[in-house]
Amino acid sequence: MALNVANECGSTIDFGYNGNSYFLKMNPSTFPGSTWAQVACTGVNSSNNQCDMWSVKPPPISNGGVTDPYTGQLSAIGELVQTLKGGKTKSLGFYYIAFSHTITNP
């Protein structure tokens, strides 16, 4: 990944609550109605020229991001899915997701 070049990527967030398992999918190729997340390399290690810092956030409006009408924040749209017994899943609908992550390599 080149420095300061943004790429749209799929993203999954898994979590549990009250004994149930859920995942939030942002990947319109496999979860139509969702949008991409955007990942960019924002720092490079000078000794090996490898990316060692990334930002992850919703894409800009021009690349599929949306404005959450309730908060006014730039957001992605993800499908919330509950994992059921026997490996089955149940869609719980689509949700606006506002986020900003910085990932660094110690």
PDB file of N, CA and C in Angstrom:
ATOM      1  N   MET A   1       0.852  -1.170   0.000  1.00  0.00           N
ATOM      2  CA  MET A   1       0.000   0.000   0.000  1.00  0.00           C
ATOM      3  C   MET A   1       0.900   1.236   0.000  1.00  0.00           C
ATOM      4  N   ALA A   2       0.686   2.115  -0.944  1.00  0.00           N
ATOM      5  CA  ALA A   2       1.511   3.312  -1.060  1.00  0.00           C
ATOM      6  C   ALA A   2       1.115   4.366  -0.027  1.00  0.00           C
ATOM      7  N   LEU A   3       2.082   5.145   0.378  1.00  0.00           N
ATOM      8  CA  LEU A   3       1.862   6.204   1.358  1.00  0.00           C
ATOM      9  C   LEU A   3       0.829   7.197   0.851  1.00  0.00           C
ATOM     10  N   ASN A   4      -0.132   7.516   1.714  1.00  0.00           N
ATOM     11  CA  ASN A   4      -1.183   8.519   1.468  1.00  0.00           C
ATOM     12  C   ASN A   4      -2.120   8.190   0.310  1.00  0.00           C
ATOM     13  N   VAL A   5      -2.208   6.925  -0.049  1.00  0.00           N
ATOM     14  CA  VAL A   5      -3.167   6.495  -1.064  1.00  0.00           C
ATOM     15  C   VAL A   5      -4.281   5.728  -0.356  1.00  0.00           C
ATOM     16  N   ALA A   6      -5.513   6.170  -0.554  1.00  0.00           N
ATOM     17  CA  ALA A   6      -6.662   5.542   0.106  1.00  0.00           C
ATOM     18  C   ALA A   6      -7.230   4.431  -0.767  1.00  0.00           C
ATOM     19  N   ASN A   7      -7.656   3.354  -0.127  1.00  0.00           N
ATOM     20  CA  ASN A   7      -8.266   2.217  -0.805  1.00  0.00           C
ATOM     21  C   ASN A   7      -9.566   1.862  -0.103  1.00  0.00           C
ATOM     22  N   GLU A   8     -10.589   1.528  -0.878  1.00  0.00           N
ATOM     23  CA  GLU A   8     -11.828   1.055  -0.281  1.00  0.00           C
ATOM     24  C   GLU A   8     -11.686  -0.441  -0.024  1.00  0.00           C
ATOM     25  N   CYS A   9     -12.037  -0.860   1.180  1.00  0.00           N
ATOM     26  CA  CYS A   9     -11.862  -2.250   1.603  1.00  0.00           C
ATOM     27  C   CYS A   9     -13.085  -2.703   2.385  1.00  0.00           C
ATOM     28  N   GLY A  10     -13.305  -4.012   2.387  1.00  0.00           N
ATOM     29  CA  GLY A  10     -14.328  -4.580   3.244  1.00  0.00           C
ATOM     30  C   GLY A  10     -13.847  -4.581   4.686  1.00  0.00           C
ATOM     31  N   SER A  11     -14.792  -4.527   5.609  1.00  0.00           N
ATOM     32  CA  SER A  11     -14.453  -4.533   7.033  1.00  0.00           C
ATOM     33  C   SER A  11     -15.509  -5.315   7.800  1.00  0.00           C
ATOM     34  N   THR A  12     -15.058  -6.050   8.807  1.00  0.00           N
ATOM     35  CA  THR A  12     -15.959  -6.807   9.668  1.00  0.00           C
ATOM     36  C   THR A  12     -15.622  -6.511  11.114  1.00  0.00           C
ATOM     37  N   ILE A  13     -16.638  -6.262  11.899  1.00  0.00           N
ATOM     38  CA  ILE A  13     -16.468  -6.077  13.344  1.00  0.00           C
ATOM     39  C   ILE A  13     -17.304  -7.149  14.025  1.00  0.00           C
ATOM     40  N   ASP A  14     -16.649  -8.023  14.784  1.00  0.00           N
ATOM     41  CA  ASP A  14     -17.339  -9.074  15.541  1.00  0.00           C
ATOM     42  C   ASP A  14     -17.436  -8.650  16.995  1.00  0.00           C
ATOM     43  N   PHE A  15     -18.582  -8.921  17.625  1.00  0.00           N
ATOM     44  CA  PHE A  15     -18.707  -8.627  19.047  1.00  0.00           C
ATOM     45  C   PHE A  15     -19.782  -9.505  19.659  1.00  0.00           C
ATOM     46  N   GLY A  16     -19.718  -9.637  20.962  1.00  0.00           N
ATOM     47  CA  GLY A  16     -20.713 -10.394  21.705  1.00  0.00           C
ATOM     48  C   GLY A  16     -21.428  -9.507  22.683  1.00  0.00           C
ATOM     49  N   TYR A  17     -22.688  -9.816  22.947  1.00  0.00           N
ATOM     50  CA  TYR A  17     -23.462  -9.079  23.934  1.00  0.00           C
ATOM     51  C   TYR A  17     -24.520  -9.997  24.509  1.00  0.00           C
ATOM     52  N   ASN A  18     -24.576 -10.066  25.823  1.00  0.00           N
ATOM     53  CA  ASN A  18     -25.615 -10.806  26.529  1.00  0.00           C
ATOM     54  C   ASN A  18     -25.710 -12.261  26.054  1.00  0.00           C
ATOM     55  N   GLY A  19     -24.540 -12.862  25.796  1.00  0.00           N
ATOM     56  CA  GLY A  19     -24.497 -14.264  25.389  1.00  0.00           C
ATOM     57  C   GLY A  19     -24.739 -14.508  23.907  1.00  0.00           C
ATOM     58  N   ASN A  20     -24.930 -13.459  23.145  1.00  0.00           N
ATOM     59  CA  ASN A  20     -25.164 -13.588  21.698  1.00  0.00           C
ATOM     60  C   ASN A  20     -23.957 -13.074  20.927  1.00  0.00           C
ATOM     61  N   SER A  21     -23.761 -13.620  19.720  1.00  0.00           N
ATOM     62  CA  SER A  21     -22.662 -13.192  18.850  1.00  0.00           C
ATOM     63  C   SER A  21     -23.216 -12.414  17.668  1.00  0.00           C
ATOM     64  N   TYR A  22     -22.532 -11.311  17.344  1.00  0.00           N
ATOM     65  CA  TYR A  22     -22.956 -10.447  16.253  1.00  0.00           C
ATOM     66  C   TYR A  22     -21.751 -10.100  15.391  1.00  0.00           C
ATOM     67  N   PHE A  23     -22.012  -9.710  14.152  1.00  0.00           N
ATOM     68  CA  PHE A  23     -20.972  -9.097  13.347  1.00  0.00           C
ATOM     69  C   PHE A  23     -21.592  -8.004  12.494  1.00  0.00           C
ATOM     70  N   LEU A  24     -20.784  -7.007  12.233  1.00  0.00           N
ATOM     71  CA  LEU A  24     -21.182  -5.854  11.450  1.00  0.00           C
ATOM     72  C   LEU A  24     -20.335  -5.869  10.182  1.00  0.00           C
ATOM     73  N   LYS A  25     -20.978  -5.997   9.025  1.00  0.00           N
ATOM     74  CA  LYS A  25     -20.266  -6.145   7.751  1.00  0.00           C
ATOM     75  C   LYS A  25     -20.391  -4.885   6.907  1.00  0.00           C
ATOM     76  N   MET A  26     -19.237  -4.414   6.439  1.00  0.00           N
ATOM     77  CA  MET A  26     -19.187  -3.335   5.471  1.00  0.00           C
ATOM     78  C   MET A  26     -18.451  -3.893   4.254  1.00  0.00           C
ATOM     79  N   ASN A  27     -19.206  -4.357   3.281  1.00  0.00           N
ATOM     80  CA  ASN A  27     -18.639  -4.924   2.063  1.00  0.00           C
ATOM     81  C   ASN A  27     -19.773  -5.098   1.054  1.00  0.00           C
ATOM     82  N   PRO A  28     -19.977  -4.119   0.167  1.00  0.00           N
ATOM     83  CA  PRO A  28     -21.108  -4.202  -0.759  1.00  0.00           C
ATOM     84  C   PRO A  28     -21.028  -5.359  -1.751  1.00  0.00           C
ATOM     85  N   SER A  29     -19.863  -5.972  -1.921  1.00  0.00           N
ATOM     86  CA  SER A  29     -19.748  -7.119  -2.829  1.00  0.00           C
ATOM     87  C   SER A  29     -20.469  -8.336  -2.278  1.00  0.00           C
ATOM     88  N   THR A  30     -20.412  -8.533  -0.963  1.00  0.00           N
ATOM     89  CA  THR A  30     -21.040  -9.706  -0.349  1.00  0.00           C
ATOM     90  C   THR A  30     -22.230  -9.354   0.542  1.00  0.00           C
ATOM     91  N   PHE A  31     -22.363  -8.085   0.906  1.00  0.00           N
ATOM     92  CA  PHE A  31     -23.488  -7.619   1.716  1.00  0.00           C
ATOM     93  C   PHE A  31     -24.101  -6.396   1.035  1.00  0.00           C
ATOM     94  N   PRO A  32     -24.858  -6.620  -0.081  1.00  0.00           N
ATOM     95  CA  PRO A  32     -25.437  -5.499  -0.819  1.00  0.00           C
ATOM     96  C   PRO A  32     -26.248  -4.590   0.112  1.00  0.00           C
ATOM     97  N   GLY A  33     -26.067  -3.305  -0.074  1.00  0.00           N
ATOM     98  CA  GLY A  33     -26.711  -2.315   0.788  1.00  0.00           C
ATOM     99  C   GLY A  33     -25.738  -1.708   1.779  1.00  0.00           C
ATOM    100  N   SER A  34     -24.606  -2.398   2.005  1.00  0.00           N
ATOM    101  CA  SER A  34     -23.557  -1.849   2.871  1.00  0.00           C
ATOM    102  C   SER A  34     -22.585  -1.033   2.006  1.00  0.00           C
ATOM    103  N   THR A  35     -21.664  -0.348   2.644  1.00  0.00           N
ATOM    104  CA  THR A  35     -20.644   0.421   1.927  1.00  0.00           C
ATOM    105  C   THR A  35     -19.267  -0.063   2.359  1.00  0.00           C
ATOM    106  N   TRP A  36     -18.235   0.436   1.685  1.00  0.00           N
ATOM    107  CA  TRP A  36     -16.860   0.091   2.012  1.00  0.00           C
ATOM    108  C   TRP A  36     -16.367   0.899   3.209  1.00  0.00           C
ATOM    109  N   ALA A  37     -15.291   0.454   3.794  1.00  0.00           N
ATOM    110  CA  ALA A  37     -14.468   1.269   4.688  1.00  0.00           C
ATOM    111  C   ALA A  37     -13.303   1.766   3.826  1.00  0.00           C
ATOM    112  N   GLN A  38     -12.640   2.817   4.270  1.00  0.00           N
ATOM    113  CA  GLN A  38     -11.496   3.338   3.524  1.00  0.00           C
ATOM    114  C   GLN A  38     -10.240   3.195   4.373  1.00  0.00           C
ATOM    115  N   VAL A  39      -9.192   2.608   3.798  1.00  0.00           N
ATOM    116  CA  VAL A  39      -7.922   2.405   4.493  1.00  0.00           C
ATOM    117  C   VAL A  39      -6.837   3.141   3.725  1.00  0.00           C
ATOM    118  N   ALA A  40      -5.964   3.836   4.461  1.00  0.00           N
ATOM    119  CA  ALA A  40      -4.847   4.538   3.838  1.00  0.00           C
ATOM    120  C   ALA A  40      -3.600   4.341   4.682  1.00  0.00           C
ATOM    121  N   CYS A  41      -2.478   4.132   4.022  1.00  0.00           N
ATOM    122  CA  CYS A  41      -1.185   4.111   4.702  1.00  0.00           C
ATOM    123  C   CYS A  41      -0.834   5.568   5.030  1.00  0.00           C
ATOM    124  N   THR A  42      -0.581   5.858   6.297  1.00  0.00           N
ATOM    125  CA  THR A  42      -0.294   7.240   6.704  1.00  0.00           C
ATOM    126  C   THR A  42       1.099   7.404   7.302  1.00  0.00           C
ATOM    127  N   GLY A  43       1.881   6.328   7.357  1.00  0.00           N
ATOM    128  CA  GLY A  43       3.243   6.411   7.871  1.00  0.00           C
ATOM    129  C   GLY A  43       4.086   5.263   7.360  1.00  0.00           C
ATOM    130  N   VAL A  44       5.365   5.541   7.100  1.00  0.00           N
ATOM    131  CA  VAL A  44       6.281   4.531   6.576  1.00  0.00           C
ATOM    132  C   VAL A  44       7.515   4.462   7.464  1.00  0.00           C
ATOM    133  N   ASN A  45       7.959   3.242   7.772  1.00  0.00           N
ATOM    134  CA  ASN A  45       9.166   3.024   8.553  1.00  0.00           C
ATOM    135  C   ASN A  45      10.365   3.391   7.678  1.00  0.00           C
ATOM    136  N   SER A  46      11.181   4.315   8.150  1.00  0.00           N
ATOM    137  CA  SER A  46      12.297   4.801   7.332  1.00  0.00           C
ATOM    138  C   SER A  46      13.386   3.743   7.118  1.00  0.00           C
ATOM    139  N   SER A  47      13.486   2.750   8.005  1.00  0.00           N
ATOM    140  CA  SER A  47      14.548   1.759   7.862  1.00  0.00           C
ATOM    141  C   SER A  47      14.225   0.676   6.827  1.00  0.00           C
ATOM    142  N   ASN A  48      12.943   0.386   6.602  1.00  0.00           N
ATOM    143  CA  ASN A  48      12.615  -0.668   5.634  1.00  0.00           C
ATOM    144  C   ASN A  48      11.583  -0.231   4.584  1.00  0.00           C
ATOM    145  N   ASN A  49      11.177   1.022   4.635  1.00  0.00           N
ATOM    146  CA  ASN A  49      10.228   1.598   3.674  1.00  0.00           C
ATOM    147  C   ASN A  49       8.896   0.857   3.632  1.00  0.00           C
ATOM    148  N   GLN A  50       8.509   0.233   4.755  1.00  0.00           N
ATOM    149  CA  GLN A  50       7.234  -0.475   4.859  1.00  0.00           C
ATOM    150  C   GLN A  50       6.222   0.396   5.606  1.00  0.00           C
ATOM    151  N   CYS A  51       4.974   0.297   5.198  1.00  0.00           N
ATOM    152  CA  CYS A  51       3.922   1.026   5.886  1.00  0.00           C
ATOM    153  C   CYS A  51       3.835   0.537   7.331  1.00  0.00           C
ATOM    154  N   ASP A  52       3.811   1.471   8.297  1.00  0.00           N
ATOM    155  CA  ASP A  52       3.689   1.077   9.695  1.00  0.00           C
ATOM    156  C   ASP A  52       2.596   1.861  10.429  1.00  0.00           C
ATOM    157  N   MET A  53       1.789   2.623   9.674  1.00  0.00           N
ATOM    158  CA  MET A  53       0.665   3.329  10.273  1.00  0.00           C
ATOM    159  C   MET A  53      -0.432   3.469   9.209  1.00  0.00           C
ATOM    160  N   TRP A  54      -1.677   3.209   9.624  1.00  0.00           N
ATOM    161  CA  TRP A  54      -2.810   3.259   8.713  1.00  0.00           C
ATOM    162  C   TRP A  54      -3.958   4.020   9.367  1.00  0.00           C
ATOM    163  N   SER A  55      -4.801   4.620   8.546  1.00  0.00           N
ATOM    164  CA  SER A  55      -6.066   5.175   9.034  1.00  0.00           C
ATOM    165  C   SER A  55      -7.190   4.348   8.423  1.00  0.00           C
ATOM    166  N   VAL A  56      -8.245   4.140   9.196  1.00  0.00           N
ATOM    167  CA  VAL A  56      -9.426   3.425   8.723  1.00  0.00           C
ATOM    168  C   VAL A  56     -10.629   4.289   9.083  1.00  0.00           C
ATOM    169  N   LYS A  57     -11.430   4.623   8.084  1.00  0.00           N
ATOM    170  CA  LYS A  57     -12.584   5.494   8.309  1.00  0.00           C
ATOM    171  C   LYS A  57     -13.592   5.281   7.186  1.00  0.00           C
ATOM    172  N   PRO A  58     -14.773   5.885   7.288  1.00  0.00           N
ATOM    173  CA  PRO A  58     -15.714   5.789   6.170  1.00  0.00           C
ATOM    174  C   PRO A  58     -15.136   6.481   4.939  1.00  0.00           C
ATOM    175  N   PRO A  59     -15.512   6.019   3.752  1.00  0.00           N
ATOM    176  CA  PRO A  59     -15.033   6.692   2.546  1.00  0.00           C
ATOM    177  C   PRO A  59     -15.710   8.054   2.397  1.00  0.00           C
ATOM    178  N   PRO A  60     -15.103   8.946   1.606  1.00  0.00           N
ATOM    179  CA  PRO A  60     -15.768  10.227   1.364  1.00  0.00           C
ATOM    180  C   PRO A  60     -17.083  10.015   0.601  1.00  0.00           C
ATOM    181  N   ILE A  61     -17.937  11.003   0.635  1.00  0.00           N
ATOM    182  CA  ILE A  61     -19.232  10.928  -0.052  1.00  0.00           C
ATOM    183  C   ILE A  61     -19.038  10.540  -1.527  1.00  0.00           C
ATOM    184  N   SER A  62     -18.009  11.067  -2.158  1.00  0.00           N
ATOM    185  CA  SER A  62     -17.765  10.793  -3.578  1.00  0.00           C
ATOM    186  C   SER A  62     -17.426   9.328  -3.854  1.00  0.00           C
ATOM    187  N   ASN A  63     -17.042   8.567  -2.826  1.00  0.00           N
ATOM    188  CA  ASN A  63     -16.695   7.147  -2.990  1.00  0.00           C
ATOM    189  C   ASN A  63     -17.628   6.227  -2.212  1.00  0.00           C
ATOM    190  N   GLY A  64     -18.836   6.682  -1.907  1.00  0.00           N
ATOM    191  CA  GLY A  64     -19.814   5.795  -1.271  1.00  0.00           C
ATOM    192  C   GLY A  64     -20.107   6.077   0.178  1.00  0.00           C
ATOM    193  N   GLY A  65     -19.362   6.996   0.802  1.00  0.00           N
ATOM    194  CA  GLY A  65     -19.687   7.375   2.176  1.00  0.00           C
ATOM    195  C   GLY A  65     -21.017   8.112   2.201  1.00  0.00           C
ATOM    196  N   VAL A  66     -21.605   8.184   3.364  1.00  0.00           N
ATOM    197  CA  VAL A  66     -22.902   8.841   3.520  1.00  0.00           C
ATOM    198  C   VAL A  66     -22.859   9.748   4.744  1.00  0.00           C
ATOM    199  N   THR A  67     -23.781  10.664   4.806  1.00  0.00           N
ATOM    200  CA  THR A  67     -23.926  11.499   5.993  1.00  0.00           C
ATOM    201  C   THR A  67     -25.055  10.920   6.833  1.00  0.00           C
ATOM    202  N   ASP A  68     -24.771  10.601   8.079  1.00  0.00           N
ATOM    203  CA  ASP A  68     -25.793  10.108   8.994  1.00  0.00           C
ATOM    204  C   ASP A  68     -26.777  11.257   9.241  1.00  0.00           C
ATOM    205  N   PRO A  69     -28.051  11.099   8.876  1.00  0.00           N
ATOM    206  CA  PRO A  69     -28.994  12.205   9.021  1.00  0.00           C
ATOM    207  C   PRO A  69     -29.288  12.567  10.481  1.00  0.00           C
ATOM    208  N   TYR A  70     -28.963  11.674  11.409  1.00  0.00           N
ATOM    209  CA  TYR A  70     -29.229  11.927  12.821  1.00  0.00           C
ATOM    210  C   TYR A  70     -28.096  12.691  13.492  1.00  0.00           C
ATOM    211  N   THR A  71     -26.845  12.431  13.052  1.00  0.00           N
ATOM    212  CA  THR A  71     -25.692  13.059  13.710  1.00  0.00           C
ATOM    213  C   THR A  71     -24.948  14.039  12.813  1.00  0.00           C
ATOM    214  N   GLY A  72     -25.173  13.964  11.512  1.00  0.00           N
ATOM    215  CA  GLY A  72     -24.454  14.803  10.563  1.00  0.00           C
ATOM    216  C   GLY A  72     -23.034  14.336  10.295  1.00  0.00           C
ATOM    217  N   GLN A  73     -22.645  13.166  10.844  1.00  0.00           N
ATOM    218  CA  GLN A  73     -21.284  12.655  10.680  1.00  0.00           C
ATOM    219  C   GLN A  73     -21.123  11.852   9.394  1.00  0.00           C
ATOM    220  N   LEU A  74     -19.921  11.947   8.795  1.00  0.00           N
ATOM    221  CA  LEU A  74     -19.576  11.070   7.694  1.00  0.00           C
ATOM    222  C   LEU A  74     -19.619   9.637   8.224  1.00  0.00           C
ATOM    223  N   SER A  75     -20.280   8.749   7.507  1.00  0.00           N
ATOM    224  CA  SER A  75     -20.487   7.384   7.984  1.00  0.00           C
ATOM    225  C   SER A  75     -20.397   6.385   6.849  1.00  0.00           C
ATOM    226  N   ALA A  76     -20.244   5.146   7.234  1.00  0.00           N
ATOM    227  CA  ALA A  76     -20.403   4.017   6.322  1.00  0.00           C
ATOM    228  C   ALA A  76     -21.739   3.378   6.700  1.00  0.00           C
ATOM    229  N   ILE A  77     -22.184   2.438   5.901  1.00  0.00           N
ATOM    230  CA  ILE A  77     -23.385   1.670   6.231  1.00  0.00           C
ATOM    231  C   ILE A  77     -22.966   0.220   6.362  1.00  0.00           C
ATOM    232  N   GLY A  78     -23.341  -0.389   7.466  1.00  0.00           N
ATOM    233  CA  GLY A  78     -23.014  -1.790   7.693  1.00  0.00           C
ATOM    234  C   GLY A  78     -24.255  -2.598   7.985  1.00  0.00           C
ATOM    235  N   GLU A  79     -24.209  -3.870   7.617  1.00  0.00           N
ATOM    236  CA  GLU A  79     -25.307  -4.780   7.946  1.00  0.00           C
ATOM    237  C   GLU A  79     -24.970  -5.486   9.250  1.00  0.00           C
ATOM    238  N   LEU A  80     -25.871  -5.388  10.219  1.00  0.00           N
ATOM    239  CA  LEU A  80     -25.702  -6.056  11.504  1.00  0.00           C
ATOM    240  C   LEU A  80     -26.341  -7.436  11.411  1.00  0.00           C
ATOM    241  N   VAL A  81     -25.546  -8.461  11.720  1.00  0.00           N
ATOM    242  CA  VAL A  81     -25.988  -9.848  11.587  1.00  0.00           C
ATOM    243  C   VAL A  81     -25.760 -10.572  12.903  1.00  0.00           C
ATOM    244  N   GLN A  82     -26.745 -11.342  13.335  1.00  0.00           N
ATOM    245  CA  GLN A  82     -26.610 -12.166  14.534  1.00  0.00           C
ATOM    246  C   GLN A  82     -26.289 -13.591  14.118  1.00  0.00           C
ATOM    247  N   THR A  83     -25.328 -14.200  14.813  1.00  0.00           N
ATOM    248  CA  THR A  83     -24.985 -15.595  14.572  1.00  0.00           C
ATOM    249  C   THR A  83     -25.891 -16.463  15.430  1.00  0.00           C
ATOM    250  N   LEU A  84     -26.572 -17.411  14.798  1.00  0.00           N
ATOM    251  CA  LEU A  84     -27.500 -18.297  15.496  1.00  0.00           C
ATOM    252  C   LEU A  84     -26.890 -19.688  15.637  1.00  0.00           C
ATOM    253  N   LYS A  85     -27.559 -20.551  16.341  1.00  0.00           N
ATOM    254  CA  LYS A  85     -27.082 -21.929  16.509  1.00  0.00           C
ATOM    255  C   LYS A  85     -27.048 -22.642  15.164  1.00  0.00           C
ATOM    256  N   GLY A  86     -26.116 -23.566  15.028  1.00  0.00           N
ATOM    257  CA  GLY A  86     -25.985 -24.343  13.801  1.00  0.00           C
ATOM    258  C   GLY A  86     -25.342 -23.577  12.663  1.00  0.00           C
ATOM    259  N   GLY A  87     -24.696 -22.446  12.983  1.00  0.00           N
ATOM    260  CA  GLY A  87     -24.005 -21.674  11.956  1.00  0.00           C
ATOM    261  C   GLY A  87     -24.912 -20.793  11.119  1.00  0.00           C
ATOM    262  N   LYS A  88     -26.183 -20.728  11.458  1.00  0.00           N
ATOM    263  CA  LYS A  88     -27.104 -19.873  10.712  1.00  0.00           C
ATOM    264  C   LYS A  88     -26.932 -18.431  11.164  1.00  0.00           C
ATOM    265  N   THR A  89     -27.398 -17.525  10.340  1.00  0.00           N
ATOM    266  CA  THR A  89     -27.314 -16.104  10.667  1.00  0.00           C
ATOM    267  C   THR A  89     -28.667 -15.440  10.434  1.00  0.00           C
ATOM    268  N   LYS A  90     -28.845 -14.293  11.088  1.00  0.00           N
ATOM    269  CA  LYS A  90     -30.077 -13.521  10.952  1.00  0.00           C
ATOM    270  C   LYS A  90     -29.711 -12.053  10.783  1.00  0.00           C
ATOM    271  N   SER A  91     -30.130 -11.442   9.667  1.00  0.00           N
ATOM    272  CA  SER A  91     -29.870 -10.024   9.449  1.00  0.00           C
ATOM    273  C   SER A  91     -30.755  -9.197  10.377  1.00  0.00           C
ATOM    274  N   LEU A  92     -30.146  -8.228  11.048  1.00  0.00           N
ATOM    275  CA  LEU A  92     -30.882  -7.336  11.941  1.00  0.00           C
ATOM    276  C   LEU A  92     -31.037  -5.942  11.336  1.00  0.00           C
ATOM    277  N   GLY A  93     -30.590  -5.787  10.088  1.00  0.00           N
ATOM    278  CA  GLY A  93     -30.790  -4.526   9.389  1.00  0.00           C
ATOM    279  C   GLY A  93     -29.496  -3.789   9.110  1.00  0.00           C
ATOM    280  N   PHE A  94     -29.637  -2.614   8.543  1.00  0.00           N
ATOM    281  CA  PHE A  94     -28.510  -1.772   8.147  1.00  0.00           C
ATOM    282  C   PHE A  94     -28.420  -0.573   9.078  1.00  0.00           C
ATOM    283  N   TYR A  95     -27.178  -0.181   9.395  1.00  0.00           N
ATOM    284  CA  TYR A  95     -26.943   0.887  10.366  1.00  0.00           C
ATOM    285  C   TYR A  95     -25.856   1.829   9.863  1.00  0.00           C
ATOM    286  N   TYR A  96     -25.998   3.108  10.212  1.00  0.00           N
ATOM    287  CA  TYR A  96     -24.945   4.082   9.976  1.00  0.00           C
ATOM    288  C   TYR A  96     -23.817   3.814  10.964  1.00  0.00           C
ATOM    289  N   ILE A  97     -22.561   3.915  10.488  1.00  0.00           N
ATOM    290  CA  ILE A  97     -21.404   3.673  11.347  1.00  0.00           C
ATOM    291  C   ILE A  97     -20.418   4.813  11.143  1.00  0.00           C
ATOM    292  N   ALA A  98     -20.219   5.604  12.178  1.00  0.00           N
ATOM    293  CA  ALA A  98     -19.203   6.662  12.150  1.00  0.00           C
ATOM    294  C   ALA A  98     -18.014   6.147  12.951  1.00  0.00           C
ATOM    295  N   PHE A  99     -16.822   6.189  12.378  1.00  0.00           N
ATOM    296  CA  PHE A  99     -15.644   5.655  13.065  1.00  0.00           C
ATOM    297  C   PHE A  99     -14.381   6.271  12.499  1.00  0.00           C
ATOM    298  N   SER A 100     -13.341   6.211  13.275  1.00  0.00           N
ATOM    299  CA  SER A 100     -12.025   6.629  12.824  1.00  0.00           C
ATOM    300  C   SER A 100     -11.001   5.859  13.649  1.00  0.00           C
ATOM    301  N   HIS A 101     -10.213   5.029  12.981  1.00  0.00           N
ATOM    302  CA  HIS A 101      -9.190   4.227  13.652  1.00  0.00           C
ATOM    303  C   HIS A 101      -7.823   4.615  13.128  1.00  0.00           C
ATOM    304  N   THR A 102      -6.861   4.657  14.014  1.00  0.00           N
ATOM    305  CA  THR A 102      -5.457   4.777  13.630  1.00  0.00           C
ATOM    306  C   THR A 102      -4.775   3.509  14.105  1.00  0.00           C
ATOM    307  N   ILE A 103      -4.109   2.825  13.197  1.00  0.00           N
ATOM    308  CA  ILE A 103      -3.422   1.571  13.517  1.00  0.00           C
ATOM    309  C   ILE A 103      -1.933   1.818  13.329  1.00  0.00           C
ATOM    310  N   THR A 104      -1.147   1.514  14.374  1.00  0.00           N
ATOM    311  CA  THR A 104       0.293   1.699  14.286  1.00  0.00           C
ATOM    312  C   THR A 104       1.007   0.415  14.666  1.00  0.00           C
ATOM    313  N   ASN A 105       2.188   0.245  14.097  1.00  0.00           N
ATOM    314  CA  ASN A 105       3.040  -0.890  14.432  1.00  0.00           C
ATOM    315  C   ASN A 105       4.051  -0.413  15.482  1.00  0.00           C
ATOM    316  N   PRO A 106       3.996  -1.017  16.680  1.00  0.00           N
ATOM    317  CA  PRO A 106       4.911  -0.544  17.731  1.00  0.00           C
ATOM    318  C   PRO A 106       6.337  -0.767  17.325  1.00  0.00           C
TER     319      PRO A 106
END
